[in-house]
Amino acid sequence: MNKKYVNLEIALDGESVNIYIETGDEPIHIVYWTEDEWLEDPSTVVPAISNAIYLMFVDPDDLINRVKNPNMPDPMDSLITPDELEQFFKDWGQTHSEVCSELGYDEEGSDELLMDDYFWHEGKELWCNKSASGFGGKDELISNYLRNL
């Protein structure tokens, strides 16, 4: 399934329903219900849960706009699109040989040296900056998100 936002997540278990934005630090909770709430008022809570789950997959912008608080930071600013993620990899990702060559490290045994300033993304097989003075826009958010997956 192709998601509009890579870091909009849902956690379902026997005790709660939680739709949240994974930031790599503290998650931003969009909606959250406990078992007590849906047992206490199922005629209201169960349809709300169903609607929230539906909107999460069909129109996540509508879901967030319905529940956001004007007195709090806009959660839309913390969402990451697949295009933003790919751009981050293009801008900040380097193969092992590229980063070692750039830094003058021997490729063998350099992992521990690289881990101070970079993190390894297994899926892309790239080293990515943890932080950089050149980070702009959502780069720091994306870096935090990826390295805490």
Protein backbone atom coordinates (compact mmCIF):
# COMPACT_ATOMS: atom_id res chain seq x y z
CA MET A 1 0.00 0.00 0.00
CA ASN A 2 1.27 3.45 -0.89
CA LYS A 3 0.83 5.77 2.08
CA LYS A 4 0.55 9.53 1.71
CA TYR A 5 2.69 10.02 4.85
CA VAL A 6 5.37 7.50 5.79
CA ASN A 7 5.33 8.38 9.48
CA LEU A 8 1.58 8.39 10.15
CA GLU A 9 1.08 5.21 12.16
CA ILE A 10 -1.65 3.24 13.91
CA ALA A 11 -1.35 1.00 16.94
CA LEU A 12 -4.25 -1.32 17.65
CA ASP A 13 -4.39 -3.71 20.56
CA GLY A 14 -7.00 -5.09 22.93
CA GLU A 15 -6.75 -2.04 25.16
CA SER A 16 -6.38 0.99 22.90
CA VAL A 17 -6.49 2.53 19.45
CA ASN A 18 -3.80 5.11 18.74
CA ILE A 19 -3.21 7.04 15.51
CA TYR A 20 0.00 9.03 15.79
CA ILE A 21 2.88 10.66 13.94
CA GLU A 22 6.20 8.92 14.55
CA THR A 23 8.88 11.60 14.81
CA GLY A 24 11.82 9.62 16.14
CA ASP A 25 11.43 11.43 19.44
CA GLU A 26 8.08 11.80 21.19
CA PRO A 27 5.20 10.68 18.96
CA ILE A 28 2.45 13.18 18.20
CA HIS A 29 -0.87 11.59 19.09
CA ILE A 30 -3.63 12.44 16.64
CA VAL A 31 -6.41 10.33 18.20
CA TYR A 32 -6.33 7.88 21.08
CA TRP A 33 -9.05 5.81 22.68
CA THR A 34 -8.85 3.31 25.52
CA GLU A 35 -10.92 0.19 26.05
CA ASP A 36 -12.73 1.92 28.93
CA GLU A 37 -13.91 4.67 26.57
CA TRP A 38 -15.34 2.35 23.96
CA LEU A 39 -16.98 0.13 26.59
CA GLU A 40 -18.50 3.13 28.37
CA ASP A 41 -19.98 4.74 25.25
CA PRO A 42 -19.78 2.33 22.30
CA SER A 43 -22.51 4.04 20.27
CA THR A 44 -20.36 7.18 20.02
CA VAL A 45 -16.79 5.93 20.36
CA VAL A 46 -16.85 2.90 18.03
CA PRO A 47 -18.09 4.92 15.01
CA ALA A 48 -15.52 7.62 15.79
CA ILE A 49 -12.75 5.01 15.88
CA SER A 50 -13.95 3.46 12.62
CA ASN A 51 -14.13 6.86 10.94
CA ALA A 52 -10.66 7.84 12.18
CA ILE A 53 -9.13 4.62 10.87
CA TYR A 54 -10.91 5.06 7.53
CA LEU A 55 -9.72 8.67 7.22
CA MET A 56 -6.17 7.72 8.18
CA PHE A 57 -5.95 5.59 5.04
CA VAL A 58 -8.25 7.51 2.68
CA ASP A 59 -7.81 11.18 3.63
CA PRO A 60 -5.26 11.68 6.42
CA ASP A 61 -5.28 15.46 5.90
CA ASP A 62 -8.99 15.56 6.73
CA LEU A 63 -8.44 13.45 9.85
CA ILE A 64 -5.73 15.74 11.15
CA ASN A 65 -7.61 18.92 10.28
CA ARG A 66 -10.66 17.64 12.17
CA VAL A 67 -8.77 17.07 15.41
CA LYS A 68 -5.95 19.59 15.44
CA ASN A 69 -5.87 22.18 18.16
CA PRO A 70 -5.28 25.78 17.03
CA ASN A 71 -3.42 26.42 20.30
CA MET A 72 -0.86 23.70 19.59
CA PRO A 73 1.79 23.29 16.88
CA ASP A 74 0.35 22.07 13.59
CA PRO A 75 0.89 18.29 13.33
CA MET A 76 0.93 18.62 9.53
CA ASP A 77 4.42 20.13 9.90
CA SER A 78 5.66 16.79 11.30
CA LEU A 79 4.38 14.56 8.52
CA ILE A 80 6.83 13.11 6.00
CA THR A 81 5.83 12.28 2.44
CA PRO A 82 7.50 9.53 0.39
CA ASP A 83 8.91 12.24 -1.92
CA GLU A 84 10.50 14.09 1.03
CA LEU A 85 12.00 10.82 2.24
CA GLU A 86 13.48 10.06 -1.19
CA GLN A 87 14.87 13.59 -1.46
CA PHE A 88 16.53 13.16 1.94
CA PHE A 89 18.25 9.98 0.70
CA LYS A 90 19.42 11.80 -2.45
CA ASP A 91 20.70 14.80 -0.48
CA TRP A 92 22.19 13.08 2.57
CA GLY A 93 22.68 9.40 1.80
CA GLN A 94 26.03 7.95 0.75
CA THR A 95 27.18 4.42 0.03
CA HIS A 96 29.80 2.95 2.32
CA SER A 97 32.56 3.46 -0.23
CA GLU A 98 31.45 7.05 -0.98
CA VAL A 99 31.46 8.20 2.64
CA CYS A 100 34.74 6.42 3.41
CA SER A 101 36.38 7.95 0.36
CA GLU A 102 35.10 11.42 1.27
CA LEU A 103 36.35 11.16 4.87
CA GLY A 104 39.60 9.36 4.05
CA TYR A 105 38.64 6.23 6.03
CA ASP A 106 39.64 2.70 5.18
CA GLU A 107 36.44 0.87 4.21
CA GLU A 108 37.28 -2.08 6.46
CA GLY A 109 36.57 -1.36 10.11
CA SER A 110 35.23 2.16 9.56
CA ASP A 111 31.70 1.49 10.83
CA GLU A 112 32.47 2.57 14.40
CA LEU A 113 34.04 5.83 13.18
CA LEU A 114 31.06 6.58 10.95
CA MET A 115 28.45 5.92 13.66
CA ASP A 116 29.38 9.14 15.47
CA ASP A 117 27.97 11.36 12.71
CA TYR A 118 26.02 8.97 10.48
CA PHE A 119 23.49 6.18 10.77
CA TRP A 120 23.13 3.19 8.47
CA HIS A 121 19.84 2.74 6.62
CA GLU A 122 19.61 -0.97 5.91
CA GLY A 123 16.84 -0.77 3.29
CA LYS A 124 18.71 1.72 1.10
CA GLU A 125 22.19 0.52 2.10
CA LEU A 126 23.25 4.10 2.73
CA TRP A 127 24.96 6.05 5.45
CA CYS A 128 22.93 9.17 6.28
CA ASN A 129 23.84 12.23 8.32
CA LYS A 130 22.45 12.34 11.87
CA SER A 131 22.54 16.13 11.69
CA ALA A 132 24.23 18.69 9.51
CA SER A 133 24.58 22.44 9.33
CA GLY A 134 23.10 22.19 5.84
CA PHE A 135 19.89 20.54 7.01
CA GLY A 136 16.90 22.53 5.87
CA GLY A 137 13.17 22.07 5.93
CA LYS A 138 12.29 18.68 7.36
CA ASP A 139 15.76 17.13 7.08
CA GLU A 140 16.34 16.93 10.84
CA LEU A 141 12.87 15.46 11.41
CA ILE A 142 13.49 12.85 8.71
CA SER A 143 16.91 12.01 10.13
CA ASN A 144 15.41 11.51 13.63
CA TYR A 145 12.58 9.43 12.21
CA LEU A 146 14.85 7.15 10.17
CA ARG A 147 17.47 6.49 12.79
CA ASN A 148 14.88 5.59 15.41
CA LEU A 149 12.90 3.13 13.27
